C-alpha atoms as a PDB file:
ATOM      1  CA  MET A   1       0.000   0.000   0.000  1.00  0.00           C
ATOM      2  CA  ASP A   2       2.849   2.391   0.834  1.00  0.00           C
ATOM      3  CA  THR A   3       4.382   1.727  -2.583  1.00  0.00           C
ATOM      4  CA  PHE A   4       1.218   2.850  -4.373  1.00  0.00           C
ATOM      5  CA  LEU A   5       1.081   5.959  -2.212  1.00  0.00           C
ATOM      6  CA  LEU A   6       4.701   6.771  -3.039  1.00  0.00           C
ATOM      7  CA  ILE A   7       4.136   6.223  -6.773  1.00  0.00           C
ATOM      8  CA  GLY A   8       1.047   8.411  -6.626  1.00  0.00           C
ATOM      9  CA  LEU A   9       2.987  11.136  -4.858  1.00  0.00           C
ATOM     10  CA  PHE A  10       5.721  11.038  -7.519  1.00  0.00           C
ATOM     11  CA  ILE A  11       3.176  11.229 -10.320  1.00  0.00           C
ATOM     12  CA  LEU A  12       1.519  14.159  -8.580  1.00  0.00           C
ATOM     13  CA  VAL A  13       4.785  16.035  -8.055  1.00  0.00           C
ATOM     14  CA  PHE A  14       6.549  15.289 -11.355  1.00  0.00           C
ATOM     15  CA  VAL A  15       3.550  15.252 -13.701  1.00  0.00           C
ATOM     16  CA  GLY A  16       0.582  16.871 -11.978  1.00  0.00           C
ATOM     17  CA  LEU A  17       2.397  19.910 -10.642  1.00  0.00           C
ATOM     18  CA  PRO A  18       4.041  20.938 -13.956  1.00  0.00           C
ATOM     19  CA  VAL A  19       0.828  20.302 -15.916  1.00  0.00           C
ATOM     20  CA  GLY A  20      -1.240  22.187 -13.332  1.00  0.00           C
ATOM     21  CA  LEU A  21       1.155  25.120 -13.358  1.00  0.00           C
ATOM     22  CA  GLY A  22       1.061  25.125 -17.179  1.00  0.00           C
ATOM     23  CA  LEU A  23      -2.727  25.257 -17.136  1.00  0.00           C
ATOM     24  CA  ILE A  24      -2.676  28.146 -14.662  1.00  0.00           C
ATOM     25  CA  ILE A  25      -0.154  30.006 -16.848  1.00  0.00           C
ATOM     26  CA  TYR A  26      -2.440  29.471 -19.844  1.00  0.00           C
ATOM     27  CA  PHE A  27      -5.895  30.149 -18.378  1.00  0.00           C
ATOM     28  CA  VAL A  28      -5.294  33.027 -15.923  1.00  0.00           C
ATOM     29  CA  PRO A  29      -4.028  35.570 -18.507  1.00  0.00           C
ATOM     30  CA  ARG A  30      -6.638  34.307 -20.981  1.00  0.00           C
ATOM     31  CA  LYS A  31      -9.486  34.935 -18.502  1.00  0.00           C
ATOM     32  CA  LEU A  32      -8.038  38.378 -17.750  1.00  0.00           C
ATOM     33  CA  GLY A  33      -8.349  39.244 -21.447  1.00  0.00           C
ATOM     34  CA  TYR A  34      -4.790  38.655 -22.644  1.00  0.00           C
ATOM     35  CA  PRO A  35      -4.955  35.656 -25.018  1.00  0.00           C
ATOM     36  CA  LYS A  36      -1.670  36.439 -26.841  1.00  0.00           C
ATOM     37  CA  ILE A  37       0.262  36.782 -23.575  1.00  0.00           C
ATOM     38  CA  SER A  38      -1.321  33.533 -22.428  1.00  0.00           C
ATOM     39  CA  LYS A  39      -0.116  31.756 -25.568  1.00  0.00           C
ATOM     40  CA  TYR A  40       3.443  33.160 -25.347  1.00  0.00           C
ATOM     41  CA  LEU A  41       3.801  32.395 -21.637  1.00  0.00           C
ATOM     42  CA  THR A  42       2.617  28.824 -22.252  1.00  0.00           C
ATOM     43  CA  ILE A  43       5.138  28.365 -25.077  1.00  0.00           C
ATOM     44  CA  VAL A  44       7.997  29.712 -22.946  1.00  0.00           C
ATOM     45  CA  TYR A  45       6.965  27.522 -20.005  1.00  0.00           C
ATOM     46  CA  SER A  46       6.677  24.420 -22.207  1.00  0.00           C
ATOM     47  CA  LEU A  47      10.089  25.035 -23.777  1.00  0.00           C
ATOM     48  CA  SER A  48      11.622  25.511 -20.318  1.00  0.00           C
ATOM     49  CA  ILE A  49      10.193  22.186 -19.123  1.00  0.00           C
ATOM     50  CA  LEU A  50      11.405  20.491 -22.327  1.00  0.00           C
ATOM     51  CA  ILE A  51      14.939  21.870 -21.885  1.00  0.00           C
ATOM     52  CA  VAL A  52      15.090  20.629 -18.287  1.00  0.00           C
ATOM     53  CA  ILE A  53      13.906  17.158 -19.339  1.00  0.00           C
ATOM     54  CA  LEU A  54      16.340  16.943 -22.265  1.00  0.00           C
ATOM     55  CA  PHE A  55      19.249  18.150 -20.126  1.00  0.00           C
ATOM     56  CA  SER A  56      18.442  15.490 -17.534  1.00  0.00           C
ATOM     57  CA  ILE A  57      18.309  12.764 -20.169  1.00  0.00           C
ATOM     58  CA  PHE A  58      21.485  13.806 -22.012  1.00  0.00           C
ATOM     59  CA  GLN A  59      23.514  14.907 -18.974  1.00  0.00           C
ATOM     60  CA  ASP A  60      26.258  12.318 -19.545  1.00  0.00           C
ATOM     61  CA  GLN A  61      26.610  13.213 -23.231  1.00  0.00           C
ATOM     62  CA  LEU A  62      26.932  16.924 -22.411  1.00  0.00           C
ATOM     63  CA  PHE A  63      29.774  16.322 -19.915  1.00  0.00           C
ATOM     64  CA  THR A  64      33.017  17.744 -21.345  1.00  0.00           C
ATOM     65  CA  ARG A  65      36.744  17.452 -20.742  1.00  0.00           C
ATOM     66  CA  ASN A  66      36.667  20.914 -19.143  1.00  0.00           C
ATOM     67  CA  ASP A  67      34.022  19.716 -16.670  1.00  0.00           C
ATOM     68  CA  ALA A  68      36.230  16.736 -15.803  1.00  0.00           C
ATOM     69  CA  LYS A  69      39.322  18.931 -15.421  1.00  0.00           C
ATOM     70  CA  LYS A  70      37.459  21.316 -13.117  1.00  0.00           C
ATOM     71  CA  LEU A  71      36.281  18.475 -10.834  1.00  0.00           C
ATOM     72  CA  VAL A  72      39.760  16.946 -10.673  1.00  0.00           C
ATOM     73  CA  GLU A  73      41.407  20.302  -9.964  1.00  0.00           C
ATOM     74  CA  GLU A  74      38.963  20.925  -7.081  1.00  0.00           C
ATOM     75  CA  GLN A  75      40.792  18.055  -5.340  1.00  0.00           C
ATOM     76  CA  SER A  76      44.176  19.816  -5.886  1.00  0.00           C
ATOM     77  CA  PHE A  77      45.253  17.641  -8.807  1.00  0.00           C
ATOM     78  CA  LEU A  78      46.726  19.453 -11.776  1.00  0.00           C
ATOM     79  CA  LEU A  79      46.395  18.211 -15.330  1.00  0.00           C
ATOM     80  CA  SER A  80      48.907  20.259 -17.306  1.00  0.00           C
ATOM     81  CA  ASP A  81      49.231  17.900 -20.293  1.00  0.00           C
ATOM     82  CA  LYS A  82      46.577  16.718 -22.726  1.00  0.00           C
ATOM     83  CA  PHE A  83      44.231  14.016 -21.502  1.00  0.00           C
ATOM     84  CA  GLU A  84      41.334  11.983 -22.858  1.00  0.00           C
ATOM     85  CA  LEU A  85      37.909  11.476 -21.327  1.00  0.00           C
ATOM     86  CA  GLU A  86      37.534   7.707 -21.723  1.00  0.00           C
ATOM     87  CA  SER A  87      34.210   7.178 -19.972  1.00  0.00           C
ATOM     88  CA  ASN A  88      31.584   9.088 -18.046  1.00  0.00           C
ATOM     89  CA  GLU A  89      28.578   7.734 -16.191  1.00  0.00           C
ATOM     90  CA  SER A  90      26.138   9.125 -13.682  1.00  0.00           C
ATOM     91  CA  ILE A  91      23.355   7.336 -11.889  1.00  0.00           C
ATOM     92  CA  SER A  92      20.756   9.006  -9.741  1.00  0.00           C
ATOM     93  CA  ALA A  93      17.922   7.724  -7.646  1.00  0.00           C
ATOM     94  CA  ILE A  94      15.876   9.290  -4.914  1.00  0.00           C
ATOM     95  CA  GLY A  95      18.364  10.438  -2.297  1.00  0.00           C
ATOM     96  CA  ASP A  96      21.372   8.894  -4.084  1.00  0.00           C
ATOM     97  CA  TYR A  97      23.728  10.147  -6.776  1.00  0.00           C
ATOM     98  CA  TYR A  98      26.793   8.464  -8.230  1.00  0.00           C
ATOM     99  CA  HIS A  99      29.034  10.041 -10.867  1.00  0.00           C
ATOM    100  CA  THR A 100      32.218   8.506 -12.187  1.00  0.00           C
ATOM    101  CA  PHE A 101      34.518   9.213 -15.076  1.00  0.00           C
ATOM    102  CA  THR A 102      37.830   7.867 -16.278  1.00  0.00           C
ATOM    103  CA  LEU A 103      40.625   9.937 -17.769  1.00  0.00           C
ATOM    104  CA  LYS A 104      43.664   8.800 -19.727  1.00  0.00           C
ATOM    105  CA  ILE A 105      46.415  11.127 -18.459  1.00  0.00           C
ATOM    106  CA  SER A 106      50.051  11.654 -19.408  1.00  0.00           C
ATOM    107  CA  GLU A 107      52.928   9.905 -17.646  1.00  0.00           C
ATOM    108  CA  GLN A 108      54.132  13.292 -16.290  1.00  0.00           C
ATOM    109  CA  ASP A 109      50.742  14.175 -14.809  1.00  0.00           C
ATOM    110  CA  LYS A 110      50.479  10.679 -13.343  1.00  0.00           C
ATOM    111  CA  SER A 111      53.876  10.819 -11.613  1.00  0.00           C
ATOM    112  CA  LYS A 112      53.346  14.424 -10.429  1.00  0.00           C
ATOM    113  CA  ASN A 113      49.975  13.626  -8.832  1.00  0.00           C
ATOM    114  CA  ILE A 114      51.180  10.336  -7.317  1.00  0.00           C
ATOM    115  CA  SER A 115      54.072  12.273  -5.757  1.00  0.00           C
ATOM    116  CA  GLN A 116      51.560  14.757  -4.363  1.00  0.00           C
ATOM    117  CA  ILE A 117      49.623  11.903  -2.719  1.00  0.00           C
ATOM    118  CA  ARG A 118      52.749  10.154  -1.416  1.00  0.00           C
ATOM    119  CA  ASN A 119      54.227  13.384  -0.004  1.00  0.00           C
ATOM    120  CA  SER A 120      51.077  14.447   1.837  1.00  0.00           C
ATOM    121  CA  THR A 121      51.319  14.520   5.626  1.00  0.00           C
ATOM    122  CA  ASN A 122      48.566  11.953   6.133  1.00  0.00           C
ATOM    123  CA  PHE A 123      49.679   9.404   3.500  1.00  0.00           C
ATOM    124  CA  LYS A 124      49.006   5.778   4.463  1.00  0.00           C
ATOM    125  CA  LYS A 125      51.148   3.088   2.890  1.00  0.00           C
ATOM    126  CA  LEU A 126      49.741  -0.171   1.611  1.00  0.00           C
ATOM    127  CA  GLY A 127      48.223  -2.118   4.510  1.00  0.00           C
ATOM    128  CA  GLU A 128      47.936   0.791   6.963  1.00  0.00           C
ATOM    129  CA  PRO A 129      44.392   1.428   8.275  1.00  0.00           C
ATOM    130  CA  THR A 130      42.268   4.120   6.651  1.00  0.00           C
ATOM    131  CA  VAL A 131      38.984   5.784   7.623  1.00  0.00           C
ATOM    132  CA  ASP A 132      35.791   4.632   5.900  1.00  0.00           C
ATOM    133  CA  PHE A 133      34.102   7.957   5.154  1.00  0.00           C
ATOM    134  CA  GLN A 134      30.893   6.216   4.104  1.00  0.00           C
ATOM    135  CA  SER A 135      30.618   4.509   7.472  1.00  0.00           C
ATOM    136  CA  VAL A 136      27.766   5.429   9.784  1.00  0.00           C
ATOM    137  CA  SER A 137      30.204   5.960  12.662  1.00  0.00           C
ATOM    138  CA  ILE A 138      31.319   9.284  11.160  1.00  0.00           C
ATOM    139  CA  ASP A 139      29.117  12.326  11.792  1.00  0.00           C
ATOM    140  CA  ARG A 140      27.667  12.773   8.311  1.00  0.00           C
ATOM    141  CA  TYR A 141      26.123  16.198   8.951  1.00  0.00           C
ATOM    142  CA  TYR A 142      28.534  18.270  11.018  1.00  0.00           C
ATOM    143  CA  GLY A 143      32.273  18.285  11.323  1.00  0.00           C
ATOM    144  CA  PRO A 144      35.437  19.407   9.584  1.00  0.00           C
ATOM    145  CA  LYS A 145      36.406  18.686   6.007  1.00  0.00           C
ATOM    146  CA  GLN A 146      38.555  15.540   5.853  1.00  0.00           C
ATOM    147  CA  ILE A 147      41.051  14.385   3.245  1.00  0.00           C
ATOM    148  CA  GLN A 148      42.940  11.122   3.283  1.00  0.00           C
ATOM    149  CA  ASN A 149      45.624   9.830   0.943  1.00  0.00           C
ATOM    150  CA  TYR A 150      46.586   6.183   0.745  1.00  0.00           C
ATOM    151  CA  GLU A 151      47.971   3.390  -1.389  1.00  0.00           C
ATOM    152  CA  THR A 152      46.040   0.287  -2.448  1.00  0.00           C
ATOM    153  CA  GLU A 153      47.058  -2.806  -4.382  1.00  0.00           C
ATOM    154  CA  SER A 154      45.987  -1.192  -7.647  1.00  0.00           C
ATOM    155  CA  GLY A 155      46.638   2.516  -7.189  1.00  0.00           C
ATOM    156  CA  TYR A 156      46.996   5.700  -5.196  1.00  0.00           C
ATOM    157  CA  VAL A 157      43.858   7.253  -3.748  1.00  0.00           C
ATOM    158  CA  ARG A 158      42.779  10.643  -2.445  1.00  0.00           C
ATOM    159  CA  GLU A 159      39.411  10.776  -0.681  1.00  0.00           C
ATOM    160  CA  TYR A 160      37.620  13.985   0.182  1.00  0.00           C
ATOM    161  CA  PHE A 161      34.754  14.181   2.678  1.00  0.00           C
ATOM    162  CA  GLU A 162      32.854  17.337   3.651  1.00  0.00           C
ATOM    163  CA  THR A 163      29.661  17.627   5.656  1.00  0.00           C
ATOM    164  CA  ASN A 164      26.871  19.871   4.358  1.00  0.00           C
ATOM    165  CA  GLY A 165      24.591  20.209   7.388  1.00  0.00           C
ATOM    166  CA  GLN A 166      21.572  18.375   8.739  1.00  0.00           C
ATOM    167  CA  GLY A 167      19.370  16.872   6.041  1.00  0.00           C
ATOM    168  CA  TYR A 168      21.929  17.193   3.238  1.00  0.00           C
ATOM    169  CA  SER A 169      24.155  14.460   1.872  1.00  0.00           C
ATOM    170  CA  PRO A 170      27.845  14.970   2.571  1.00  0.00           C
ATOM    171  CA  THR A 171      30.228  15.520  -0.316  1.00  0.00           C
ATOM    172  CA  PHE A 172      32.321  12.394  -0.845  1.00  0.00           C
ATOM    173  CA  ARG A 173      34.795  12.265  -3.717  1.00  0.00           C
ATOM    174  CA  ARG A 174      37.469   9.721  -4.501  1.00  0.00           C
ATOM    175  CA  ILE A 175      40.236  10.000  -7.082  1.00  0.00           C
ATOM    176  CA  THR A 176      42.247   6.891  -7.885  1.00  0.00           C
ATOM    177  CA  ILE A 177      45.378   6.935 -10.017  1.00  0.00           C
ATOM    178  CA  GLU A 178      46.042   3.390 -11.146  1.00  0.00           C
ATOM    179  CA  LYS A 179      49.545   1.944 -10.833  1.00  0.00           C
ATOM    180  CA  LYS A 180      49.317   0.169 -14.175  1.00  0.00           C
ATOM    181  CA  GLY A 181      48.547   2.432 -17.081  1.00  0.00           C
ATOM    182  CA  ASN A 182      47.913   6.153 -17.018  1.00  0.00           C
ATOM    183  CA  THR A 183      44.334   6.066 -15.787  1.00  0.00           C
ATOM    184  CA  LEU A 184      42.682   8.460 -13.338  1.00  0.00           C
ATOM    185  CA  ILE A 185      39.269   7.456 -11.957  1.00  0.00           C
ATOM    186  CA  PHE A 186      37.021  10.066 -10.336  1.00  0.00           C
ATOM    187  CA  GLU A 187      34.027   9.091  -8.202  1.00  0.00           C
ATOM    188  CA  ASP A 188      31.453  11.403  -6.619  1.00  0.00           C
ATOM    189  CA  ILE A 189      29.091   9.557  -4.287  1.00  0.00           C
ATOM    190  CA  ASP A 190      26.137  11.217  -2.528  1.00  0.00           C
ATOM    191  CA  GLU A 191      24.025   8.879  -0.401  1.00  0.00           C
END
């Protein structure tokens, strides 16, 4: 029974509300004696809704190398040489969002960023314990920004965790530079 209620609520919010608002935009100016304004407002509203829907559907295809570079550089990694965007994928559900992309970077950028991880003050070598930022034992709503750098069997990792206040998902980002090959993997996980 709760499932049907939830589905009904989603239909109401995501279909009923936009359609109802569109009808109000159309009929109110029309009843006030402005049929041309009514028509133009309805067209603008419909195009706005269409753009939002299309952007949501084609979000992964519209993701560019500059977007990837910006997200990587927010974690203090520099990409000074040319790189390729090999893959990009985002998945969203109610309350969850997962975005990952893979870059093919140069050998110089790889070694420079691995050195940055290895030379950080909190670097953990292979086998040393690390903090699980997605664990429920961490305060997910309040607390300082945390960054950890560590080595795994397959690569070097920098994790970034920042709380965003009560009721908001924390920002959790992980960048992995693989030991074999020149691959950088970015993950943004909001749960």
